Protein backbone atom coordinates (compact mmCIF):
# COMPACT_ATOMS: atom_id res chain seq x y z
CA MET A 1 0.15 0.10 -0.17
CA LYS A 2 1.74 3.56 -1.10
CA ILE A 3 1.90 5.98 1.96
CA THR A 4 0.47 9.03 0.86
CA PHE A 5 1.26 12.40 3.07
CA LYS A 6 -2.39 12.71 3.75
CA ARG A 7 -2.46 8.35 5.55
CA PHE A 8 0.83 9.70 7.60
CA LEU A 9 -0.50 12.69 9.04
CA ILE A 10 -3.49 10.61 10.22
CA ALA A 11 -2.39 8.23 11.42
CA THR A 12 0.10 10.70 12.89
CA VAL A 13 -2.37 12.77 14.86
CA THR A 14 -4.78 8.97 15.51
CA LEU A 15 -1.45 7.80 17.73
CA GLY A 16 -0.90 11.58 19.38
CA ILE A 17 -5.05 11.12 19.95
CA ILE A 18 -4.98 7.54 21.54
CA GLY A 19 -1.74 9.11 23.43
CA VAL A 20 -3.52 11.79 25.38
CA ALA A 21 -5.95 9.23 26.37
CA VAL A 22 -4.23 7.01 27.41
CA LEU A 23 -2.24 9.76 29.69
CA VAL A 24 -5.51 11.83 30.56
CA SER A 25 -7.37 7.99 31.21
CA GLY A 26 -4.53 7.14 34.20
CA ILE A 27 -4.08 3.79 33.02
CA VAL A 28 -1.00 3.42 32.63
CA PRO A 29 0.17 2.35 36.56
CA VAL A 30 2.69 4.47 38.19
CA LYS A 31 2.70 2.03 41.05
CA ALA A 32 6.32 1.05 42.05
CA SER A 33 5.08 -1.52 43.88
CA SER A 34 5.28 -3.47 40.07
CA GLY A 35 8.67 -2.48 39.13
CA HIS A 36 9.65 -2.05 35.73
CA TRP A 37 8.71 -3.75 32.56
CA PRO A 38 11.92 -4.95 31.48
CA VAL A 39 12.05 -3.02 28.50
CA THR A 40 11.66 0.36 30.76
CA ALA A 41 14.23 -1.08 33.20
CA TRP A 42 17.25 -2.22 30.27
CA PHE A 43 16.36 1.41 28.59
CA LEU A 44 16.86 3.15 32.17
CA ASP A 45 19.96 1.37 33.08
CA TYR A 46 21.58 1.21 29.66
CA ALA A 47 21.17 5.49 30.10
CA SER A 48 22.04 5.94 33.11
CA ASP A 49 25.35 4.30 32.91
CA ARG A 50 26.38 5.37 29.29
CA SER A 51 25.37 9.31 30.76
CA VAL A 52 27.69 8.31 34.10
CA ASP A 53 30.70 6.82 31.91
CA PHE A 54 30.28 9.95 29.43
CA HIS A 55 30.41 12.65 32.22
CA SER A 56 33.11 11.42 34.63
CA ASN A 57 35.68 11.35 32.21
CA GLY A 58 38.43 13.57 32.79
CA ILE A 59 37.09 13.33 36.70
CA GLU A 60 40.88 13.07 38.84
CA VAL A 61 41.05 10.65 41.98
CA PRO A 62 43.59 12.16 44.56
CA ASN A 63 45.23 9.60 46.73
CA LEU A 64 42.06 7.45 48.83
CA ASP A 65 44.76 5.04 50.35
CA VAL A 66 45.50 8.02 52.77
CA PRO A 67 44.69 5.77 56.46
CA GLY A 68 41.59 7.00 57.72
CA MET A 69 39.77 7.20 54.22
CA ILE A 70 38.47 4.84 54.73
CA THR A 71 36.61 4.65 58.19
CA LEU A 72 35.65 8.73 57.94
CA GLY A 73 33.51 7.29 54.25
CA ALA A 74 32.38 4.67 56.36
CA GLY A 75 30.34 7.37 59.13
CA THR A 76 28.97 9.44 56.34
CA TYR A 77 27.91 6.02 54.64
CA GLN A 78 26.66 5.17 57.73
CA THR A 79 24.36 8.20 58.30
CA ASN A 80 23.57 9.15 54.32
CA CYS A 81 23.71 5.88 52.22
CA GLN A 82 23.06 2.61 55.17
CA PHE A 83 19.52 2.66 55.08
CA CYS A 84 18.55 2.41 50.97
CA HIS A 85 22.20 0.53 50.06
CA GLY A 86 22.50 -1.96 53.45
CA GLN A 87 25.55 -3.05 55.05
CA PRO A 88 27.46 -5.66 54.63
CA GLU A 89 26.65 -9.36 55.58
CA ARG A 90 23.00 -8.21 56.15
CA GLN A 91 20.07 -8.40 54.24
CA GLN A 92 18.92 -5.01 52.21
CA PRO A 93 16.35 -2.62 54.40
CA PRO A 94 12.53 -3.58 53.92
CA VAL A 95 11.53 -0.12 52.53
CA ALA A 96 14.34 -0.07 50.35
CA GLN A 97 13.42 -3.85 48.74
CA GLY A 98 9.67 -1.48 48.17
CA MET A 99 11.75 0.71 45.82
CA THR A 100 11.32 1.19 41.77
CA PRO A 101 14.31 0.75 40.77
CA THR A 102 14.98 -1.36 44.40
CA PRO A 103 18.76 0.52 45.47
CA PRO A 104 21.96 -1.80 44.81
CA GLN A 105 23.37 -4.08 46.68
CA LEU A 106 26.73 -2.28 46.86
CA GLN A 107 28.93 -5.30 48.31
CA ASP A 108 27.95 -6.40 45.13
CA SER A 109 27.90 -3.92 42.19
CA LEU A 110 30.41 -1.39 42.70
CA PRO A 111 33.61 -3.29 41.13
CA GLU A 112 32.06 -2.84 38.40
CA MET A 113 32.26 0.61 38.41
CA SER A 114 35.46 3.32 38.54
CA ASP A 115 36.41 5.49 41.27
CA GLN A 116 35.86 8.43 38.74
CA GLU A 117 32.27 6.99 38.04
CA THR A 118 31.57 6.41 41.58
CA PHE A 119 32.44 9.46 42.51
CA TYR A 120 29.56 10.94 40.01
CA ILE A 121 26.74 9.61 41.09
CA VAL A 122 27.52 10.14 44.79
CA LYS A 123 28.12 13.48 43.91
CA HIS A 124 24.67 14.76 41.22
CA GLY A 125 23.13 10.80 42.27
CA ILE A 126 20.72 9.82 39.66
CA LYS A 127 17.23 10.88 37.95
CA PHE A 128 14.19 8.57 38.23
CA ALA A 129 15.90 6.92 40.47
CA GLY A 130 15.39 7.72 43.13
CA MET A 131 19.18 8.37 44.30
CA PRO A 132 20.02 11.69 45.54
CA ALA A 133 22.73 13.98 45.30
CA TRP A 134 25.40 15.16 47.60
CA PRO A 135 23.50 17.41 50.40
CA THR A 136 26.25 20.70 48.58
CA GLN A 137 27.73 20.63 45.77
CA ARG A 138 30.31 22.49 47.30
CA ARG A 139 32.15 19.81 48.75
CA ASP A 140 33.93 17.01 46.16
CA ASP A 141 36.31 16.70 49.06
CA GLU A 142 33.74 14.84 51.62
CA ILE A 143 32.77 12.56 48.31
CA TRP A 144 35.97 10.61 48.10
CA PRO A 145 36.11 8.72 51.90
CA VAL A 146 33.20 7.60 50.99
CA VAL A 147 34.29 6.20 47.27
CA ALA A 148 37.24 4.87 49.15
CA PHE A 149 35.04 2.70 51.81
CA LEU A 150 32.81 1.85 48.70
CA ASN A 151 36.44 0.08 47.63
CA ALA A 152 36.55 -1.62 50.27
CA MET A 153 33.16 -2.54 51.55
CA PRO A 154 32.68 -5.92 48.22
CA SER A 155 35.66 -7.74 51.11
CA MET A 156 34.09 -6.21 54.69
CA THR A 157 32.69 -8.05 56.84
CA ASN A 158 29.12 -6.67 58.83
CA GLU A 159 31.18 -6.94 62.14
CA GLU A 160 34.40 -4.70 60.56
CA TYR A 161 31.39 -2.86 59.49
CA ARG A 162 30.47 -2.18 62.59
CA GLN A 163 33.68 -1.61 63.95
CA ARG A 164 34.27 2.01 61.78
CA THR A 165 31.01 3.77 62.27
CA ARG A 166 30.63 3.64 65.70
CA ARG A 167 33.64 3.46 69.11
CA ARG A 168 36.38 2.97 68.29
CA PRO A 169 38.80 0.14 69.98
CA SER A 170 40.94 3.47 70.96
CA ASP A 171 38.57 5.55 71.95
CA PRO A 172 37.79 5.81 76.10
CA PRO A 173 36.09 2.81 77.45
CA GLU A 174 32.60 3.78 78.44
CA GLY A 175 32.12 6.20 81.36
CA SER A 176 36.05 7.19 81.52
CA PHE A 177 36.04 10.26 78.77
CA ASN A 178 38.85 12.35 79.42
CA ARG A 179 37.10 15.16 81.80
CA ALA A 180 33.32 15.07 81.31
CA GLU A 181 30.63 12.75 81.84
CA PRO A 182 29.06 11.93 78.75
CA ILE A 183 26.08 13.76 77.64
CA GLY A 184 23.23 11.03 78.87
CA ASP A 185 24.18 7.96 77.68
CA ASN A 186 27.00 7.05 75.10
CA ALA A 187 24.60 5.87 72.79
CA PHE A 188 24.30 9.15 70.64
CA ILE A 189 27.65 9.94 70.56
CA ASP A 190 29.03 6.60 69.52
CA GLU A 191 26.54 6.28 66.62
CA HIS A 192 26.53 9.98 65.48
CA CYS A 193 30.22 11.26 66.84
CA ALA A 194 32.34 8.50 67.22
CA ALA A 195 33.08 7.49 63.93
CA CYS A 196 34.71 10.73 62.49
CA HIS A 197 35.66 12.32 65.58
CA GLY A 198 35.90 9.64 68.92
CA ARG A 199 34.40 9.94 71.05
CA ASP A 200 36.07 12.46 73.30
CA GLY A 201 36.56 14.70 70.39
CA SER A 202 40.33 14.38 69.58
CA ASN A 203 40.21 12.42 65.86
CA ASN A 204 43.01 10.79 65.82
CA ILE A 205 41.70 8.46 62.66
CA ASN A 206 41.80 11.67 59.66
CA ARG A 207 43.70 14.66 58.81
CA ARG A 208 40.50 15.65 57.02
CA VAL A 209 38.34 16.35 60.36
CA PRO A 210 38.73 18.69 62.60
CA ILE A 211 39.53 17.87 66.60
CA LEU A 212 36.35 18.93 68.60
CA ALA A 213 37.79 18.20 71.90
CA GLY A 214 39.10 21.84 73.87
CA GLN A 215 37.16 23.61 71.25
CA ASN A 216 35.61 26.95 72.01
CA GLU A 217 32.09 26.32 73.46
CA ALA A 218 30.54 28.66 72.00
CA TYR A 219 31.97 28.26 68.84
CA LEU A 220 30.91 24.16 68.49
CA ALA A 221 27.32 24.88 69.31
CA MET A 222 27.50 28.21 66.60
CA SER A 223 28.95 25.89 64.09
CA LEU A 224 26.16 23.30 64.37
CA ARG A 225 23.71 25.56 64.26
CA SER A 226 24.87 27.08 60.93
CA TYR A 227 24.83 23.27 59.86
CA ARG A 228 21.52 22.75 60.76
CA ALA A 229 20.78 25.72 58.75
CA MET A 230 22.81 24.29 56.05
CA ARG A 231 24.50 28.28 55.98
CA ARG A 232 27.93 25.86 56.63
CA HIS A 233 28.01 23.69 53.69
CA SER A 234 28.71 19.42 54.77
CA GLY A 235 27.30 16.96 52.84
CA VAL A 236 28.72 15.30 56.44
CA MET A 237 27.48 17.30 58.96
CA MET A 238 24.24 19.09 57.79
CA PRO A 239 22.17 15.61 58.22
CA VAL A 240 23.48 15.26 61.55
CA ALA A 241 22.39 18.71 62.23
CA TYR A 242 19.72 18.93 61.03
CA ARG A 243 18.06 15.93 63.50
CA LEU A 244 19.90 18.27 66.75
CA THR A 245 17.60 20.25 68.23
CA ASP A 246 18.61 23.32 70.01
CA ASP A 247 19.00 21.47 73.82
CA ARG A 248 21.28 18.38 72.05
CA ILE A 249 23.96 21.35 70.09
CA ASP A 250 23.83 22.59 73.56
CA ALA A 251 25.02 19.63 75.17
CA LEU A 252 27.03 18.44 72.54
CA ALA A 253 29.09 21.83 72.02
CA LYS A 254 29.77 21.54 76.69
CA HIS A 255 30.72 18.22 76.30
CA PHE A 256 32.86 18.31 73.85
CA SER A 257 34.59 21.65 74.51
CA SER A 258 35.21 20.39 78.04
CA GLN A 259 37.63 17.45 76.63
CA SER A 260 41.55 17.12 77.44
CA ARG A 261 43.01 17.90 73.70
CA LEU A 262 45.51 14.92 73.00
CA PRO A 263 49.57 16.02 71.17
CA PRO A 264 48.93 15.60 67.71
CA LYS A 265 49.55 12.38 66.14
CA GLU A 266 50.38 13.27 62.25
CA PRO A 267 53.86 14.48 60.90
CA ALA A 268 56.10 17.03 62.49
CA PRO A 269 55.94 19.47 59.34
CA LYS A 270 59.26 21.11 57.99
CA SER A 271 60.77 24.09 60.00
CA GLU A 272 61.16 26.27 57.59
CA LEU A 273 57.65 26.00 56.59
CA VAL A 274 56.14 25.94 60.19
CA GLU A 275 58.39 29.72 61.43
CA THR A 276 56.92 30.87 57.90
CA GLY A 277 53.42 30.29 59.11
CA ARG A 278 54.49 32.08 62.54
CA ARG A 279 55.17 35.12 61.52
CA LEU A 280 52.39 35.31 58.54
CA ALA A 281 50.16 33.59 62.22
CA THR A 282 51.91 36.37 64.86
CA GLU A 283 52.67 39.43 62.25
CA GLY A 284 50.17 39.05 59.37
CA ASP A 285 51.71 41.27 56.32
CA VAL A 286 51.38 44.69 56.47
CA LYS A 287 51.81 45.15 52.34
CA LYS A 288 48.97 42.03 51.69
CA LYS A 289 47.37 43.83 54.57
CA ILE A 290 46.46 40.53 56.36
CA PRO A 291 46.25 40.63 59.83
CA SER A 292 48.11 38.19 62.21
CA CYS A 293 45.47 35.72 63.08
CA VAL A 294 46.23 35.12 66.78
CA ASP A 295 44.31 37.76 68.36
CA CYS A 296 41.37 36.20 67.12
CA HIS A 297 42.26 32.46 67.47
CA GLY A 298 45.46 31.82 69.79
CA PRO A 299 47.49 30.72 70.70
CA GLY A 300 46.67 32.24 73.89
CA GLU A 301 44.16 32.98 76.07
CA ARG A 302 43.29 36.50 74.86
CA LEU A 303 41.02 36.03 71.98
CA ARG A 304 38.47 38.63 70.44
CA SER A 305 34.94 36.51 70.47
CA LYS A 306 34.60 32.67 72.05
CA THR A 307 32.42 32.45 68.70
CA TYR A 308 35.92 31.94 66.96
CA PRO A 309 37.55 28.15 66.69
CA ARG A 310 41.30 27.99 68.37
CA LEU A 311 43.23 26.48 65.75
CA ALA A 312 46.24 25.59 67.89
CA GLY A 313 46.76 21.52 66.63
CA GLN A 314 43.97 21.00 63.77
CA PRO A 315 45.10 19.17 60.89
CA ALA A 316 47.15 21.23 58.81
CA TRP A 317 45.18 19.70 55.82
CA TYR A 318 41.84 20.53 57.81
CA ILE A 319 43.22 24.60 58.52
CA GLU A 320 44.22 24.74 55.21
CA ARG A 321 40.98 22.86 53.33
CA GLN A 322 38.82 25.17 55.60
CA LEU A 323 41.22 28.45 54.14
CA GLU A 324 40.40 27.48 50.36
CA LEU A 325 37.37 26.86 50.50
CA PHE A 326 36.70 30.57 52.55
CA GLY A 327 38.47 32.46 48.76
CA LYS A 328 35.97 29.86 46.97
CA ARG A 329 33.05 31.50 49.02
CA ASP A 330 32.55 27.77 49.61
CA ARG A 331 32.68 27.02 52.98
CA GLY A 332 29.29 28.95 54.51
CA GLY A 333 29.37 29.73 58.37
CA MET A 334 27.90 32.68 60.14
CA LYS A 335 30.53 34.65 60.35
CA ALA A 336 32.16 34.08 57.12
CA LYS A 337 32.57 37.16 55.42
CA ILE A 338 34.98 38.35 58.00
CA MET A 339 37.43 35.52 56.42
CA HIS A 340 36.76 36.48 52.48
CA LYS A 341 39.33 38.99 52.46
CA ILE A 342 41.63 37.51 54.28
CA ALA A 343 41.65 34.25 52.65
CA ASP A 344 41.56 36.03 49.38
CA LYS A 345 44.96 37.23 50.06
CA LEU A 346 46.13 34.12 50.53
CA ASP A 347 48.44 31.84 48.07
CA ASP A 348 48.96 28.46 48.06
CA GLU A 349 52.79 28.84 49.85
CA SER A 350 50.91 31.26 52.40
CA ARG A 351 48.11 28.85 53.00
CA ARG A 352 50.70 25.35 54.14
CA ALA A 353 52.64 28.09 56.25
CA VAL A 354 49.80 28.83 57.95
CA ALA A 355 48.53 25.39 58.30
CA ALA A 356 52.43 23.88 59.90
CA TYR A 357 52.33 26.54 62.09
CA TYR A 358 48.75 25.82 63.75
CA ALA A 359 49.39 22.54 63.15
CA ALA A 360 52.84 22.22 65.32
CA ALA A 361 51.42 24.20 67.92
CA PRO A 362 51.14 21.98 70.93
CA ALA A 363 47.41 21.65 72.74
CA ALA A 364 48.88 23.26 75.85
CA SER A 365 48.96 26.38 73.47
CA LEU A 366 45.28 26.26 73.23
């Protein structure tokens, strides 16, 4: 039969009318309980795989073998991911099993993915799959520990997982905190804080995590409220702080601020770098209009405000990264604007030097 333009037009209009009728009638089910048709599942999976492969090209992978990276990622996974993707050697949570598509059991599916692809999915999520994007797009540094953990997850037992996401063996035993009793019972800190910060806030697992022990109480409370209000950007801390009441925030701040600061465990930086940082921190730079750091951040007791953090003994990587985030306007926080103009004037070498000086400062100089 010869297909004329008139017949083609009639067929097109007819199909269009049928399509609209099906759409308006609601006859096509959208219930998750029935799952996707096989052809729909194949199409979505194939399109997703190709898109991730294309867009993840060129992502630069940092060193993921840094001590503590897996444990740090495990703590984040426990907070943000496990209720859909489950735990090692455990059945997938029942609510996740009712989703369409069902979230993959990552212990089985990850070996097929590159680090770049894993990072891209964790950061951006996947449309039509219930996979959310990272809570903030400004903190790529927080995502890489999750990638490191996911790489280790296929060979991890559930007991190993639980050890990494709760109180660590090196933490003080229950009831023997340095100077303060835990708030209520130990369960809250064990579940939400200890994996990254330690039960007493003395973090000895990873240089990406700040030390909370001995920090100014007012600063800790302000930081948690900034995270809760989503004014300070962190895909790790915002979900935790969002669930905190004012009373819980005040109790946590009081608890960690009253703990004894332990000596830093990271290798001592080069003395020349520390001396350069000392001069900049104590004297500033008149030519570049950079004020000194010590009046606001110590060492010493005369601080302009208790809402400013003490920096002595903090990990060098953490301090340097915070200065970078201030310069890029990606850190946020209640008083972030104060630091923006200062951070703009610091080059890479200056940031490294100041970070080295404060990391080398003894805990006694707080």
